[in-house]
Amino acid sequence: MGAESGFFIVDDAELAEKLELLGAGVEEEGGRKLPLIEAAYFQEKGVLETGKSIRELVEGKEREFEVLKHLRDSGRIVRIGEGDSEFLRVYRKGMRIGEDRTEGIVRVLGEGEKPDLLADIAVAGKMRKELTYAFVGGDGITFVKAYRVSFE
């Protein structure tokens, strides 16, 4: 087990299987590969130990961690966007990865930040997903759904 370029690798077969059942990470060479903020979530829950503090694991992604934690605690599976994507992919409550497609994508912003609405709606449209913004601030997280409307 160990951290590797933005990911935490779990090579313990039993723990990897448990994480798979929880919808965490992706399979990689007999183990699981988790983004660091996902590893931080499962460390906070006592499922795994990374050898680093949660603060170290989520450094620079504190808002995303708070949103991931909120959604996971409400029973949803959350996947970190692939590559340089700024979106979290969210599955319907109670679903497992592979059982159903992603319900929507979430873009995390700070309170008062202005989203690039048209660009984000275009991305959601290409992915055929619902777009939700998560504004993280002093009062917690405010979720706002955005979509295109046609009056034809």
Protein backbone atom coordinates (compact mmCIF):
# COMPACT_ATOMS: atom_id res chain seq x y z
CA MET A 1 0.00 0.00 0.00
CA GLY A 2 1.13 3.51 -0.61
CA ALA A 3 0.65 6.89 -2.25
CA GLU A 4 1.58 7.24 -5.90
CA SER A 5 1.17 10.40 -8.02
CA GLY A 6 -2.17 11.59 -6.65
CA PHE A 7 -3.50 8.13 -5.85
CA PHE A 8 -3.38 5.66 -3.00
CA ILE A 9 -2.76 2.05 -4.02
CA VAL A 10 -4.27 -0.75 -1.91
CA ASP A 11 -2.62 -4.11 -2.58
CA ASP A 12 -4.13 -6.04 0.34
CA ALA A 13 -6.66 -8.36 -1.37
CA GLU A 14 -9.17 -8.40 1.51
CA LEU A 15 -9.17 -4.62 1.91
CA ALA A 16 -9.31 -4.12 -1.87
CA GLU A 17 -12.41 -6.34 -2.02
CA LYS A 18 -14.05 -4.40 0.81
CA LEU A 19 -13.33 -1.10 -0.95
CA GLU A 20 -14.75 -2.51 -4.19
CA LEU A 21 -18.00 -3.40 -2.39
CA LEU A 22 -18.10 0.18 -1.09
CA GLY A 23 -17.71 1.51 -4.65
CA ALA A 24 -14.27 2.98 -4.01
CA GLY A 25 -11.50 3.42 -6.52
CA VAL A 26 -10.80 1.30 -9.56
CA GLU A 27 -9.28 -2.15 -9.90
CA GLU A 28 -5.62 -2.17 -10.80
CA GLU A 29 -3.36 -5.23 -10.94
CA GLY A 30 -5.07 -7.17 -8.16
CA GLY A 31 -5.62 -4.15 -5.92
CA ARG A 32 -7.51 -0.86 -5.79
CA LYS A 33 -6.37 2.58 -6.90
CA LEU A 34 -8.07 5.43 -5.02
CA PRO A 35 -7.72 9.19 -5.54
CA LEU A 36 -6.21 10.74 -2.41
CA ILE A 37 -9.41 12.52 -1.35
CA GLU A 38 -11.31 9.23 -1.56
CA ALA A 39 -8.55 7.53 0.48
CA ALA A 40 -8.90 10.36 3.03
CA TYR A 41 -12.65 9.70 3.29
CA PHE A 42 -12.15 5.99 3.97
CA GLN A 43 -9.34 6.75 6.40
CA GLU A 44 -11.64 9.11 8.31
CA LYS A 45 -14.25 6.30 8.42
CA GLY A 46 -11.65 3.85 9.78
CA VAL A 47 -11.71 1.58 6.72
CA LEU A 48 -8.06 2.06 5.76
CA GLU A 49 -4.85 3.64 7.02
CA THR A 50 -2.66 5.61 4.64
CA GLY A 51 0.13 6.68 6.97
CA LYS A 52 -0.65 10.33 6.22
CA SER A 53 -2.97 12.80 7.90
CA ILE A 54 -6.29 13.60 6.28
CA ARG A 55 -5.10 17.20 5.92
CA GLU A 56 -2.09 16.01 3.88
CA LEU A 57 -4.25 13.79 1.68
CA VAL A 58 -6.77 16.51 0.78
CA GLU A 59 -4.36 19.44 0.53
CA GLY A 60 -5.66 21.85 -2.10
CA LYS A 61 -8.90 19.87 -2.49
CA GLU A 62 -10.60 20.60 0.82
CA ARG A 63 -13.88 21.73 -0.78
CA GLU A 64 -14.05 18.63 -3.00
CA PHE A 65 -13.41 16.49 0.09
CA GLU A 66 -16.30 18.13 1.95
CA VAL A 67 -18.67 17.53 -0.98
CA LEU A 68 -17.48 13.93 -1.45
CA LYS A 69 -17.96 13.32 2.27
CA HIS A 70 -21.47 14.82 2.25
CA LEU A 71 -22.57 12.78 -0.78
CA ARG A 72 -20.97 9.54 0.44
CA ASP A 73 -22.51 9.98 3.90
CA SER A 74 -25.93 10.36 2.24
CA GLY A 75 -25.51 6.95 0.56
CA ARG A 76 -24.27 7.93 -2.87
CA ILE A 77 -21.26 6.56 -4.71
CA VAL A 78 -19.00 9.39 -5.89
CA ARG A 79 -16.20 9.07 -8.40
CA ILE A 80 -13.50 11.65 -8.88
CA GLY A 81 -13.40 13.03 -12.42
CA GLU A 82 -10.98 11.30 -14.74
CA GLY A 83 -7.90 13.07 -16.06
CA ASP A 84 -8.07 16.82 -15.60
CA SER A 85 -11.86 16.87 -15.20
CA GLU A 86 -13.11 19.25 -12.53
CA PHE A 87 -16.33 17.29 -12.03
CA LEU A 88 -17.33 14.63 -9.54
CA ARG A 89 -19.50 11.85 -10.99
CA VAL A 90 -22.41 10.87 -8.76
CA TYR A 91 -24.40 7.64 -8.87
CA ARG A 92 -28.00 7.31 -7.74
CA LYS A 93 -28.51 6.51 -4.09
CA GLY A 94 -28.16 2.80 -3.40
CA MET A 95 -26.57 1.99 -6.78
CA ARG A 96 -23.23 0.35 -7.30
CA ILE A 97 -20.71 1.12 -9.99
CA GLY A 98 -21.38 -1.11 -12.97
CA GLU A 99 -25.06 -1.54 -12.04
CA ASP A 100 -26.14 1.82 -13.37
CA ARG A 101 -24.84 4.83 -15.19
CA THR A 102 -23.83 8.00 -13.46
CA GLU A 103 -26.80 10.13 -12.39
CA GLY A 104 -25.03 13.43 -12.81
CA ILE A 105 -21.89 15.47 -12.47
CA VAL A 106 -21.07 17.95 -9.73
CA ARG A 107 -18.73 20.91 -10.02
CA VAL A 108 -17.41 22.17 -6.69
CA LEU A 109 -16.97 25.91 -6.23
CA GLY A 110 -16.33 28.25 -3.33
CA GLU A 111 -19.08 30.44 -1.97
CA GLY A 112 -19.38 33.50 -4.22
CA GLU A 113 -17.44 31.91 -7.10
CA LYS A 114 -19.07 32.29 -10.49
CA PRO A 115 -19.26 29.20 -12.68
CA ASP A 116 -18.66 29.16 -16.41
CA LEU A 117 -22.28 28.16 -16.87
CA LEU A 118 -22.43 27.73 -20.65
CA ALA A 119 -19.20 25.72 -20.82
CA ASP A 120 -20.26 23.48 -17.92
CA ILE A 121 -23.72 22.89 -19.43
CA ALA A 122 -22.03 21.98 -22.72
CA VAL A 123 -19.84 19.40 -20.92
CA ALA A 124 -22.88 17.96 -19.13
CA GLY A 125 -24.76 17.82 -22.43
CA LYS A 126 -21.94 15.94 -24.16
CA MET A 127 -21.84 13.49 -21.25
CA ARG A 128 -25.67 13.28 -21.14
CA LYS A 129 -25.62 13.97 -17.41
CA GLU A 130 -27.40 16.37 -15.07
CA LEU A 131 -25.22 19.27 -13.92
CA THR A 132 -25.16 20.31 -10.28
CA TYR A 133 -23.02 22.97 -8.65
CA ALA A 134 -21.87 22.53 -5.06
CA PHE A 135 -21.07 25.89 -3.47
CA VAL A 136 -18.99 25.34 -0.34
CA GLY A 137 -18.86 28.10 2.24
CA GLY A 138 -19.24 29.03 5.88
CA ASP A 139 -22.87 27.89 5.97
CA GLY A 140 -22.07 24.45 4.56
CA ILE A 141 -22.78 23.18 1.07
CA THR A 142 -25.46 24.56 -1.22
CA PHE A 143 -26.36 22.40 -4.22
CA VAL A 144 -27.79 24.12 -7.32
CA LYS A 145 -28.93 22.19 -10.39
CA ALA A 146 -28.39 23.84 -13.79
CA TYR A 147 -29.80 22.84 -17.15
CA ARG A 148 -30.60 24.17 -20.59
CA VAL A 149 -34.23 24.94 -21.49
CA SER A 150 -35.72 25.28 -24.95
CA PHE A 151 -39.04 27.07 -25.47
CA GLU A 152 -39.71 25.66 -28.92
